[in-house]
N, C-alpha and C. Protein backbone atom coordinates (compact mmCIF):
# COMPACT_ATOMS: atom_id res chain seq x y z
N MET A 1 -87.02 -55.70 169.66
CA MET A 1 -86.12 -54.98 168.80
C MET A 1 -84.90 -54.48 169.58
N VAL A 2 -85.14 -53.92 170.76
CA VAL A 2 -84.04 -53.43 171.59
C VAL A 2 -83.13 -54.58 172.01
N ARG A 3 -83.74 -55.73 172.37
CA ARG A 3 -82.95 -56.90 172.76
C ARG A 3 -82.04 -57.36 171.62
N GLN A 4 -82.56 -57.39 170.41
CA GLN A 4 -81.76 -57.79 169.26
C GLN A 4 -80.61 -56.82 169.05
N PHE A 5 -80.86 -55.54 169.20
CA PHE A 5 -79.82 -54.53 169.05
C PHE A 5 -78.72 -54.73 170.09
N VAL A 6 -79.10 -54.93 171.34
CA VAL A 6 -78.14 -55.16 172.42
C VAL A 6 -77.35 -56.44 172.16
N PHE A 7 -78.04 -57.49 171.70
CA PHE A 7 -77.38 -58.75 171.38
C PHE A 7 -76.33 -58.54 170.27
N LEU A 8 -76.70 -57.83 169.21
CA LEU A 8 -75.78 -57.57 168.11
C LEU A 8 -74.57 -56.75 168.56
N ILE A 9 -74.80 -55.76 169.40
CA ILE A 9 -73.69 -54.96 169.93
C ILE A 9 -72.77 -55.85 170.76
N GLY A 10 -73.33 -56.74 171.57
CA GLY A 10 -72.53 -57.66 172.38
C GLY A 10 -71.68 -58.58 171.51
N ILE A 11 -72.28 -59.12 170.46
CA ILE A 11 -71.52 -59.97 169.53
C ILE A 11 -70.41 -59.17 168.87
N PHE A 12 -70.69 -57.95 168.44
CA PHE A 12 -69.68 -57.10 167.81
C PHE A 12 -68.52 -56.85 168.77
N LEU A 13 -68.80 -56.53 170.01
CA LEU A 13 -67.74 -56.27 170.99
C LEU A 13 -66.92 -57.52 171.25
N LEU A 14 -67.58 -58.66 171.32
CA LEU A 14 -66.88 -59.91 171.53
C LEU A 14 -65.95 -60.21 170.37
N VAL A 15 -66.46 -60.08 169.16
CA VAL A 15 -65.66 -60.37 167.98
C VAL A 15 -64.54 -59.36 167.82
N SER A 16 -64.82 -58.08 168.01
CA SER A 16 -63.79 -57.07 167.81
C SER A 16 -62.70 -57.12 168.87
N GLY A 17 -62.98 -57.69 170.04
CA GLY A 17 -61.99 -57.80 171.10
C GLY A 17 -61.09 -59.01 170.94
N CYS A 18 -61.42 -59.90 170.06
CA CYS A 18 -60.66 -61.11 169.83
C CYS A 18 -59.46 -60.81 168.93
N THR A 19 -58.27 -61.13 169.40
CA THR A 19 -57.08 -60.89 168.59
C THR A 19 -56.72 -62.15 167.81
N ILE A 20 -55.79 -62.03 166.90
CA ILE A 20 -55.31 -63.19 166.14
C ILE A 20 -54.70 -64.20 167.12
N SER A 21 -53.98 -63.71 168.13
CA SER A 21 -53.38 -64.61 169.13
C SER A 21 -54.44 -65.41 169.85
N ASP A 22 -55.56 -64.76 170.17
CA ASP A 22 -56.67 -65.47 170.81
C ASP A 22 -57.28 -66.49 169.86
N LYS A 23 -57.48 -66.08 168.63
CA LYS A 23 -58.11 -66.94 167.63
C LYS A 23 -57.32 -68.24 167.42
N TYR A 24 -55.99 -68.12 167.40
CA TYR A 24 -55.14 -69.28 167.17
C TYR A 24 -54.59 -69.89 168.46
N LYS A 25 -55.12 -69.42 169.60
CA LYS A 25 -54.80 -69.99 170.91
C LYS A 25 -53.29 -70.03 171.16
N ALA A 26 -52.65 -68.87 171.08
CA ALA A 26 -51.20 -68.76 171.23
C ALA A 26 -50.71 -69.34 172.55
N ASP A 27 -51.45 -69.12 173.64
CA ASP A 27 -51.02 -69.66 174.94
C ASP A 27 -51.04 -71.18 174.96
N GLU A 28 -52.06 -71.78 174.37
CA GLU A 28 -52.12 -73.24 174.29
C GLU A 28 -51.00 -73.79 173.43
N VAL A 29 -50.74 -73.13 172.31
CA VAL A 29 -49.65 -73.55 171.42
C VAL A 29 -48.33 -73.48 172.17
N TYR A 30 -48.09 -72.37 172.88
CA TYR A 30 -46.86 -72.18 173.64
C TYR A 30 -46.67 -73.31 174.66
N ASN A 31 -47.72 -73.66 175.37
CA ASN A 31 -47.63 -74.69 176.41
C ASN A 31 -47.35 -76.08 175.85
N GLN A 32 -47.60 -76.31 174.58
CA GLN A 32 -47.32 -77.61 173.96
C GLN A 32 -45.90 -77.72 173.42
N LEU A 33 -45.18 -76.60 173.37
CA LEU A 33 -43.82 -76.60 172.82
C LEU A 33 -42.78 -76.91 173.88
N LYS A 34 -41.64 -77.44 173.44
CA LYS A 34 -40.46 -77.59 174.28
C LYS A 34 -39.57 -76.37 174.06
N ASP A 35 -38.59 -76.19 174.94
CA ASP A 35 -37.67 -75.08 174.79
C ASP A 35 -37.01 -75.10 173.40
N ASP A 36 -36.83 -73.94 172.83
CA ASP A 36 -36.21 -73.74 171.52
C ASP A 36 -37.01 -74.37 170.38
N GLN A 37 -38.33 -74.48 170.56
CA GLN A 37 -39.21 -74.92 169.48
C GLN A 37 -40.16 -73.78 169.12
N ALA A 38 -40.60 -73.80 167.88
CA ALA A 38 -41.57 -72.80 167.41
C ALA A 38 -42.67 -73.50 166.64
N LYS A 39 -43.84 -72.92 166.72
CA LYS A 39 -44.99 -73.38 165.95
C LYS A 39 -45.40 -72.21 165.07
N ILE A 40 -45.57 -72.48 163.80
CA ILE A 40 -45.96 -71.44 162.85
C ILE A 40 -47.26 -71.89 162.20
N ILE A 41 -48.30 -71.15 162.50
CA ILE A 41 -49.63 -71.45 161.96
C ILE A 41 -49.99 -70.32 161.02
N LEU A 42 -49.98 -70.59 159.74
CA LEU A 42 -50.35 -69.60 158.74
C LEU A 42 -51.45 -70.17 157.87
N LYS A 43 -52.46 -69.37 157.64
CA LYS A 43 -53.55 -69.76 156.74
C LYS A 43 -53.45 -68.89 155.50
N VAL A 44 -53.45 -69.54 154.35
CA VAL A 44 -53.46 -68.85 153.06
C VAL A 44 -54.80 -69.18 152.42
N LYS A 45 -55.55 -68.15 152.08
CA LYS A 45 -56.88 -68.32 151.52
C LYS A 45 -57.74 -69.20 152.44
N GLY A 46 -57.55 -69.07 153.76
CA GLY A 46 -58.36 -69.79 154.73
C GLY A 46 -57.93 -71.22 155.01
N THR A 47 -56.86 -71.71 154.37
CA THR A 47 -56.40 -73.08 154.54
C THR A 47 -55.04 -73.10 155.21
N ASN A 48 -54.83 -74.04 156.16
CA ASN A 48 -53.53 -74.16 156.81
C ASN A 48 -52.45 -74.44 155.79
N PHE A 49 -51.37 -73.67 155.86
CA PHE A 49 -50.27 -73.84 154.92
C PHE A 49 -49.33 -74.96 155.37
N TYR A 50 -49.02 -75.01 156.65
CA TYR A 50 -48.11 -76.03 157.17
C TYR A 50 -48.88 -77.17 157.80
N LYS A 51 -48.22 -78.33 157.87
CA LYS A 51 -48.82 -79.49 158.52
C LYS A 51 -48.99 -79.19 160.00
N GLU A 52 -50.03 -79.75 160.58
CA GLU A 52 -50.30 -79.52 162.00
C GLU A 52 -49.16 -80.00 162.88
N GLU A 53 -48.47 -81.06 162.48
CA GLU A 53 -47.38 -81.61 163.29
C GLU A 53 -46.03 -80.91 163.08
N SER A 54 -45.98 -79.88 162.23
CA SER A 54 -44.73 -79.15 161.99
C SER A 54 -44.24 -78.45 163.25
N ILE A 55 -42.97 -78.68 163.58
CA ILE A 55 -42.29 -77.99 164.67
C ILE A 55 -41.04 -77.34 164.07
N PHE A 56 -40.88 -76.06 164.32
CA PHE A 56 -39.80 -75.30 163.71
C PHE A 56 -38.66 -75.04 164.70
N HIS A 57 -37.44 -74.97 164.15
CA HIS A 57 -36.22 -74.60 164.87
C HIS A 57 -35.44 -73.68 163.94
N GLY A 58 -34.54 -72.90 164.51
CA GLY A 58 -33.71 -72.11 163.62
C GLY A 58 -32.96 -70.99 164.30
N HIS A 59 -32.79 -69.94 163.54
CA HIS A 59 -31.94 -68.82 163.94
C HIS A 59 -32.80 -67.57 164.12
N LEU A 60 -32.60 -66.88 165.23
CA LEU A 60 -33.30 -65.64 165.50
C LEU A 60 -32.24 -64.63 165.93
N GLU A 61 -32.18 -63.51 165.25
CA GLU A 61 -31.14 -62.51 165.51
C GLU A 61 -31.74 -61.13 165.62
N ILE A 62 -31.34 -60.40 166.65
CA ILE A 62 -31.78 -59.02 166.82
C ILE A 62 -30.53 -58.14 166.88
N VAL A 63 -30.49 -57.20 165.97
CA VAL A 63 -29.43 -56.19 165.93
C VAL A 63 -30.14 -54.86 166.14
N GLU A 64 -29.39 -53.82 166.49
CA GLU A 64 -30.03 -52.55 166.83
C GLU A 64 -31.05 -52.07 165.80
N ASN A 65 -30.76 -52.25 164.52
CA ASN A 65 -31.67 -51.76 163.49
C ASN A 65 -32.25 -52.86 162.60
N SER A 66 -32.23 -54.12 163.09
CA SER A 66 -32.84 -55.18 162.28
C SER A 66 -33.20 -56.39 163.14
N PHE A 67 -34.09 -57.21 162.57
CA PHE A 67 -34.59 -58.41 163.20
C PHE A 67 -34.69 -59.48 162.13
N THR A 68 -34.21 -60.71 162.43
CA THR A 68 -34.24 -61.78 161.44
C THR A 68 -34.63 -63.09 162.10
N ILE A 69 -35.58 -63.79 161.49
CA ILE A 69 -35.93 -65.17 161.85
C ILE A 69 -35.71 -66.01 160.60
N ASN A 70 -35.07 -67.15 160.78
CA ASN A 70 -34.91 -68.12 159.70
C ASN A 70 -35.16 -69.49 160.33
N TYR A 71 -36.37 -70.03 160.17
CA TYR A 71 -36.78 -71.27 160.83
C TYR A 71 -37.14 -72.34 159.80
N PHE A 72 -36.84 -73.61 160.16
CA PHE A 72 -37.16 -74.77 159.34
C PHE A 72 -37.86 -75.81 160.20
N ASP A 73 -38.75 -76.60 159.57
CA ASP A 73 -39.38 -77.69 160.31
C ASP A 73 -38.80 -79.03 159.84
N GLN A 74 -39.32 -80.11 160.39
CA GLN A 74 -38.82 -81.45 160.09
C GLN A 74 -39.17 -81.90 158.67
N PHE A 75 -40.00 -81.15 157.96
CA PHE A 75 -40.39 -81.49 156.59
C PHE A 75 -39.71 -80.57 155.56
N ASP A 76 -38.69 -79.84 155.99
CA ASP A 76 -37.95 -78.89 155.15
C ASP A 76 -38.78 -77.68 154.74
N SER A 77 -39.83 -77.40 155.49
CA SER A 77 -40.57 -76.16 155.28
C SER A 77 -39.76 -75.04 155.92
N ASN A 78 -39.97 -73.82 155.48
CA ASN A 78 -39.21 -72.72 156.07
C ASN A 78 -40.02 -71.44 156.16
N VAL A 79 -39.57 -70.57 157.07
CA VAL A 79 -40.13 -69.24 157.24
C VAL A 79 -38.96 -68.30 157.46
N MET A 80 -38.96 -67.20 156.72
CA MET A 80 -37.96 -66.16 156.90
C MET A 80 -38.68 -64.84 157.11
N VAL A 81 -38.32 -64.18 158.20
CA VAL A 81 -38.87 -62.86 158.51
C VAL A 81 -37.68 -61.95 158.72
N HIS A 82 -37.66 -60.85 158.00
CA HIS A 82 -36.59 -59.87 158.20
C HIS A 82 -37.18 -58.48 158.06
N PHE A 83 -36.78 -57.60 158.95
CA PHE A 83 -37.14 -56.20 158.81
C PHE A 83 -36.06 -55.35 159.45
N GLY A 84 -36.00 -54.13 158.99
CA GLY A 84 -35.01 -53.21 159.52
C GLY A 84 -35.51 -51.78 159.45
N GLY A 85 -34.85 -50.93 160.19
CA GLY A 85 -35.20 -49.52 160.21
C GLY A 85 -34.66 -48.87 161.47
N ASN A 86 -34.69 -47.57 161.50
CA ASN A 86 -34.22 -46.83 162.67
C ASN A 86 -35.25 -46.89 163.79
N ASP A 87 -34.76 -46.94 165.01
CA ASP A 87 -35.61 -46.92 166.21
C ASP A 87 -36.70 -48.00 166.19
N LEU A 88 -36.34 -49.19 165.76
CA LEU A 88 -37.31 -50.29 165.66
C LEU A 88 -37.96 -50.64 166.98
N PHE A 89 -37.19 -50.65 168.05
CA PHE A 89 -37.66 -51.22 169.30
C PHE A 89 -38.10 -50.17 170.31
N VAL A 90 -38.40 -48.96 169.85
CA VAL A 90 -38.80 -47.88 170.76
C VAL A 90 -40.22 -48.09 171.26
N GLU A 91 -41.17 -48.30 170.36
CA GLU A 91 -42.58 -48.46 170.75
C GLU A 91 -42.90 -49.94 170.95
N LYS A 92 -43.67 -50.21 171.98
CA LYS A 92 -44.07 -51.57 172.28
C LYS A 92 -45.58 -51.61 172.50
N PRO A 93 -46.31 -52.57 171.95
CA PRO A 93 -45.79 -53.70 171.20
C PRO A 93 -45.27 -53.27 169.83
N LEU A 94 -44.28 -53.99 169.39
CA LEU A 94 -43.65 -53.72 168.10
C LEU A 94 -44.64 -54.08 167.00
N LYS A 95 -44.88 -53.13 166.09
CA LYS A 95 -45.77 -53.35 164.95
C LYS A 95 -45.00 -52.99 163.69
N ILE A 96 -44.83 -53.98 162.82
CA ILE A 96 -44.03 -53.80 161.62
C ILE A 96 -44.91 -53.94 160.38
N PRO A 97 -45.03 -52.85 159.61
CA PRO A 97 -45.78 -52.98 158.34
C PRO A 97 -44.96 -53.76 157.32
N VAL A 98 -45.65 -54.58 156.55
CA VAL A 98 -45.01 -55.33 155.48
C VAL A 98 -45.53 -54.76 154.17
N ARG A 99 -44.62 -54.25 153.38
CA ARG A 99 -44.99 -53.70 152.07
C ARG A 99 -43.92 -54.10 151.08
N MET A 100 -44.32 -54.71 150.01
CA MET A 100 -43.37 -55.18 149.03
C MET A 100 -42.87 -54.06 148.12
N PHE A 101 -43.72 -53.12 147.80
CA PHE A 101 -43.39 -52.16 146.75
C PHE A 101 -43.14 -50.76 147.29
N ASN A 102 -42.26 -50.65 148.28
CA ASN A 102 -41.81 -49.33 148.73
C ASN A 102 -40.43 -49.47 149.34
N SER A 103 -39.94 -48.43 149.96
CA SER A 103 -38.57 -48.44 150.45
C SER A 103 -38.43 -49.03 151.85
N TYR A 104 -39.50 -49.35 152.53
CA TYR A 104 -39.41 -49.91 153.87
C TYR A 104 -38.83 -51.32 153.78
N THR A 105 -37.87 -51.63 154.63
CA THR A 105 -37.22 -52.93 154.59
C THR A 105 -37.97 -53.92 155.45
N SER A 106 -38.81 -54.74 154.84
CA SER A 106 -39.49 -55.81 155.57
C SER A 106 -39.81 -56.93 154.59
N THR A 107 -39.49 -58.15 155.01
CA THR A 107 -39.72 -59.31 154.16
C THR A 107 -40.27 -60.45 155.00
N VAL A 108 -41.32 -61.08 154.51
CA VAL A 108 -41.85 -62.30 155.12
C VAL A 108 -42.03 -63.30 153.98
N MET A 109 -41.25 -64.37 154.04
CA MET A 109 -41.34 -65.44 153.04
C MET A 109 -41.62 -66.74 153.76
N PHE A 110 -42.46 -67.57 153.17
CA PHE A 110 -42.72 -68.88 153.76
C PHE A 110 -42.94 -69.88 152.64
N GLY A 111 -42.43 -71.09 152.87
CA GLY A 111 -42.52 -72.10 151.83
C GLY A 111 -42.50 -73.51 152.41
N LYS A 112 -42.77 -74.47 151.53
CA LYS A 112 -42.75 -75.87 151.93
C LYS A 112 -42.44 -76.73 150.71
N ILE A 113 -41.94 -77.93 150.97
CA ILE A 113 -41.67 -78.90 149.92
C ILE A 113 -42.96 -79.66 149.64
N LYS A 114 -43.36 -79.70 148.39
CA LYS A 114 -44.55 -80.46 148.00
C LYS A 114 -44.19 -81.81 147.39
N ASP A 115 -43.04 -81.85 146.70
CA ASP A 115 -42.60 -83.08 146.04
C ASP A 115 -41.08 -83.15 146.19
N LYS A 116 -40.63 -83.88 147.22
CA LYS A 116 -39.20 -83.95 147.53
C LYS A 116 -38.41 -84.62 146.41
N ALA A 117 -38.96 -85.67 145.82
CA ALA A 117 -38.25 -86.40 144.76
C ALA A 117 -37.94 -85.52 143.56
N HIS A 118 -38.86 -84.63 143.22
CA HIS A 118 -38.66 -83.75 142.07
C HIS A 118 -38.23 -82.35 142.48
N ARG A 119 -37.94 -82.17 143.78
CA ARG A 119 -37.46 -80.89 144.33
C ARG A 119 -38.40 -79.74 143.97
N ARG A 120 -39.69 -79.97 144.20
CA ARG A 120 -40.69 -78.94 143.93
C ARG A 120 -41.28 -78.45 145.24
N GLY A 121 -41.48 -77.17 145.30
CA GLY A 121 -42.05 -76.60 146.50
C GLY A 121 -43.12 -75.59 146.17
N GLU A 122 -43.64 -75.00 147.24
CA GLU A 122 -44.63 -73.94 147.12
C GLU A 122 -44.23 -72.86 148.11
N GLY A 123 -44.21 -71.63 147.63
CA GLY A 123 -43.81 -70.56 148.52
C GLY A 123 -44.56 -69.27 148.26
N TYR A 124 -44.56 -68.41 149.28
CA TYR A 124 -45.24 -67.12 149.21
C TYR A 124 -44.33 -66.03 149.75
N LEU A 125 -44.53 -64.84 149.23
CA LEU A 125 -43.86 -63.65 149.70
C LEU A 125 -44.95 -62.65 150.06
N MET A 126 -44.95 -62.20 151.32
CA MET A 126 -45.98 -61.25 151.72
C MET A 126 -45.77 -59.93 150.98
N SER A 127 -46.85 -59.40 150.44
CA SER A 127 -46.80 -58.17 149.67
C SER A 127 -47.31 -56.98 150.47
N GLN A 128 -48.13 -57.23 151.47
CA GLN A 128 -48.61 -56.17 152.36
C GLN A 128 -49.15 -56.82 153.62
N GLY A 129 -49.13 -56.06 154.70
CA GLY A 129 -49.67 -56.60 155.93
C GLY A 129 -49.05 -55.96 157.15
N LEU A 130 -49.20 -56.66 158.27
CA LEU A 130 -48.71 -56.16 159.54
C LEU A 130 -48.27 -57.33 160.40
N LEU A 131 -47.08 -57.19 161.01
CA LEU A 131 -46.59 -58.12 162.02
C LEU A 131 -46.73 -57.41 163.36
N THR A 132 -47.43 -58.01 164.30
CA THR A 132 -47.59 -57.44 165.63
C THR A 132 -46.95 -58.39 166.63
N PHE A 133 -45.94 -57.91 167.33
CA PHE A 133 -45.22 -58.70 168.32
C PHE A 133 -45.94 -58.56 169.66
N LYS A 134 -46.77 -59.53 169.99
CA LYS A 134 -47.49 -59.51 171.26
C LYS A 134 -46.54 -59.76 172.42
N SER A 135 -45.48 -60.52 172.17
CA SER A 135 -44.47 -60.83 173.17
C SER A 135 -43.14 -60.99 172.46
N LEU A 136 -42.09 -60.41 173.01
CA LEU A 136 -40.75 -60.51 172.43
C LEU A 136 -39.74 -60.54 173.56
N ASN A 137 -39.47 -61.75 174.07
CA ASN A 137 -38.50 -61.89 175.15
C ASN A 137 -37.85 -63.26 175.08
N LYS A 138 -36.94 -63.53 176.02
CA LYS A 138 -36.18 -64.79 175.99
C LYS A 138 -37.03 -66.01 176.34
N ASP A 139 -38.19 -65.80 176.94
CA ASP A 139 -39.08 -66.91 177.27
C ASP A 139 -40.11 -67.19 176.19
N LYS A 140 -40.59 -66.13 175.54
CA LYS A 140 -41.74 -66.29 174.65
C LYS A 140 -41.76 -65.20 173.58
N ILE A 141 -41.96 -65.66 172.36
CA ILE A 141 -42.19 -64.73 171.25
C ILE A 141 -43.51 -65.12 170.62
N VAL A 142 -44.38 -64.14 170.48
CA VAL A 142 -45.66 -64.36 169.79
C VAL A 142 -45.80 -63.23 168.77
N ILE A 143 -45.90 -63.61 167.50
CA ILE A 143 -46.04 -62.65 166.42
C ILE A 143 -47.35 -62.94 165.69
N GLU A 144 -48.21 -61.94 165.62
CA GLU A 144 -49.42 -62.05 164.82
C GLU A 144 -49.10 -61.62 163.40
N VAL A 145 -49.57 -62.38 162.44
CA VAL A 145 -49.32 -62.11 161.02
C VAL A 145 -50.66 -61.92 160.34
N VAL A 146 -50.82 -60.81 159.63
CA VAL A 146 -52.04 -60.58 158.88
C VAL A 146 -51.69 -59.76 157.64
N GLY A 147 -52.27 -60.13 156.50
CA GLY A 147 -52.00 -59.38 155.28
C GLY A 147 -52.29 -60.18 154.04
N LYS A 148 -51.49 -59.90 153.02
CA LYS A 148 -51.64 -60.58 151.73
C LYS A 148 -50.28 -61.05 151.27
N ALA A 149 -50.28 -62.17 150.51
CA ALA A 149 -49.03 -62.73 150.00
C ALA A 149 -49.22 -63.13 148.55
N LYS A 150 -48.11 -63.07 147.83
CA LYS A 150 -48.10 -63.47 146.43
C LYS A 150 -47.37 -64.80 146.30
N LYS A 151 -47.90 -65.67 145.43
CA LYS A 151 -47.32 -67.00 145.25
C LYS A 151 -46.07 -66.89 144.39
N TYR A 152 -44.96 -67.36 144.94
CA TYR A 152 -43.68 -67.30 144.25
C TYR A 152 -43.71 -68.23 143.04
N PRO A 153 -43.19 -67.86 141.90
CA PRO A 153 -42.39 -66.70 141.56
C PRO A 153 -43.19 -65.51 141.01
N ASN A 154 -44.52 -65.57 141.07
CA ASN A 154 -45.36 -64.51 140.51
C ASN A 154 -45.60 -63.42 141.55
N VAL A 155 -44.59 -62.58 141.77
CA VAL A 155 -44.66 -61.59 142.84
C VAL A 155 -44.60 -60.15 142.32
N GLY A 156 -44.95 -59.96 141.06
CA GLY A 156 -44.98 -58.61 140.51
C GLY A 156 -46.16 -57.81 141.04
N GLU A 157 -46.12 -56.52 140.80
CA GLU A 157 -47.16 -55.64 141.33
C GLU A 157 -48.56 -56.02 140.85
N THR A 158 -48.68 -56.53 139.63
CA THR A 158 -50.00 -56.86 139.09
C THR A 158 -50.41 -58.32 139.33
N ASP A 159 -49.51 -59.14 139.90
CA ASP A 159 -49.85 -60.54 140.18
C ASP A 159 -50.83 -60.62 141.35
N PRO A 160 -51.67 -61.65 141.38
CA PRO A 160 -52.67 -61.75 142.45
C PRO A 160 -52.04 -61.94 143.82
N ALA A 161 -52.71 -61.42 144.83
CA ALA A 161 -52.29 -61.58 146.23
C ALA A 161 -53.40 -62.31 146.98
N PHE A 162 -52.99 -63.12 147.93
CA PHE A 162 -53.93 -63.97 148.68
C PHE A 162 -53.90 -63.61 150.16
N GLU A 163 -55.07 -63.69 150.81
CA GLU A 163 -55.18 -63.39 152.23
C GLU A 163 -54.33 -64.35 153.06
N VAL A 164 -53.60 -63.80 154.03
CA VAL A 164 -52.77 -64.59 154.95
C VAL A 164 -53.03 -64.10 156.36
N GLU A 165 -53.15 -65.04 157.30
CA GLU A 165 -53.20 -64.68 158.71
C GLU A 165 -52.69 -65.85 159.53
N GLY A 166 -52.22 -65.54 160.73
CA GLY A 166 -51.76 -66.59 161.61
C GLY A 166 -50.86 -66.07 162.69
N ILE A 167 -50.13 -67.00 163.30
CA ILE A 167 -49.23 -66.65 164.39
C ILE A 167 -47.91 -67.42 164.28
N ILE A 168 -46.90 -66.83 164.87
CA ILE A 168 -45.61 -67.48 165.08
C ILE A 168 -45.41 -67.48 166.60
N VAL A 169 -45.23 -68.66 167.18
CA VAL A 169 -45.04 -68.78 168.62
C VAL A 169 -43.72 -69.52 168.87
N CYS A 170 -42.84 -68.90 169.64
CA CYS A 170 -41.54 -69.50 169.96
C CYS A 170 -41.42 -69.64 171.47
N LYS A 171 -40.98 -70.81 171.94
CA LYS A 171 -40.78 -71.04 173.37
C LYS A 171 -39.29 -71.06 173.68
N LYS A 172 -38.88 -70.15 174.54
CA LYS A 172 -37.49 -70.01 174.97
C LYS A 172 -36.52 -70.12 173.78
N PRO A 173 -36.69 -69.24 172.79
CA PRO A 173 -35.83 -69.32 171.61
C PRO A 173 -34.40 -68.88 171.92
N LYS A 174 -33.48 -69.40 171.15
CA LYS A 174 -32.10 -68.92 171.23
C LYS A 174 -32.05 -67.63 170.41
N ILE A 175 -31.79 -66.54 171.10
CA ILE A 175 -31.77 -65.23 170.44
C ILE A 175 -30.34 -64.71 170.44
N ALA A 176 -29.84 -64.38 169.26
CA ALA A 176 -28.54 -63.71 169.16
C ALA A 176 -28.80 -62.21 169.20
N LEU A 177 -28.40 -61.58 170.30
CA LEU A 177 -28.54 -60.13 170.45
C LEU A 177 -27.19 -59.51 170.11
N LEU A 178 -27.13 -58.74 169.04
CA LEU A 178 -25.88 -58.14 168.59
C LEU A 178 -25.97 -56.62 168.63
N ASN A 179 -25.08 -56.00 169.36
CA ASN A 179 -25.01 -54.54 169.46
C ASN A 179 -26.29 -53.92 170.01
N ILE A 180 -26.97 -54.63 170.88
CA ILE A 180 -28.19 -54.10 171.49
C ILE A 180 -28.36 -54.74 172.87
N LYS A 181 -28.90 -54.00 173.78
CA LYS A 181 -29.13 -54.50 175.13
C LYS A 181 -30.53 -55.10 175.22
N ASP A 182 -30.66 -56.16 176.03
CA ASP A 182 -31.95 -56.82 176.22
C ASP A 182 -33.07 -55.85 176.52
N GLU A 183 -32.84 -54.96 177.48
CA GLU A 183 -33.90 -54.08 177.93
C GLU A 183 -34.36 -53.11 176.86
N LYS A 184 -33.54 -52.88 175.85
CA LYS A 184 -33.93 -51.98 174.78
C LYS A 184 -34.87 -52.64 173.78
N SER A 185 -34.70 -53.94 173.55
CA SER A 185 -35.48 -54.60 172.51
C SER A 185 -36.52 -55.58 173.03
N LEU A 186 -36.32 -56.16 174.21
CA LEU A 186 -37.21 -57.21 174.67
C LEU A 186 -38.29 -56.69 175.61
N TYR A 187 -39.44 -57.31 175.59
CA TYR A 187 -40.55 -56.96 176.49
C TYR A 187 -41.47 -58.14 176.67
């Protein structure tokens, strides 16, 4: 009985110590990328949203009171992350709550083309969750994503929300730093 209890405690500690970055092998993903490439692995309802071979490129901008990512892959899939607020970069690691129905400025949208000929796509808007920046510098950006998202265009308060988790990994991204010093925002 005592052995089983110790075993269960060990499993609990192992599982609870595992981060989203560990689960999705952020370091391995990073090592497979070329400079200025990003890999975005998001699971919606437990299923990969993007193709495994998707490689993203785009625009990343940091201003004193805001952060914006706008990335596209070779299949015309896209991810947009934007948030703003006072003193964003004071505490590290940066943790940004995502809430659709309040005054906090944070948006995470992701989509993909499902039928190019008929110009049909599938997209989600995160309604609640947390972005945790495990790394935010000129060499490496790793963002853990966890929360819930609503399928566009049904994004009202009473519309269903679906579990989302994953990572965004960028290798040596081109970062536009506007009105802010590196040492203030990067770590």
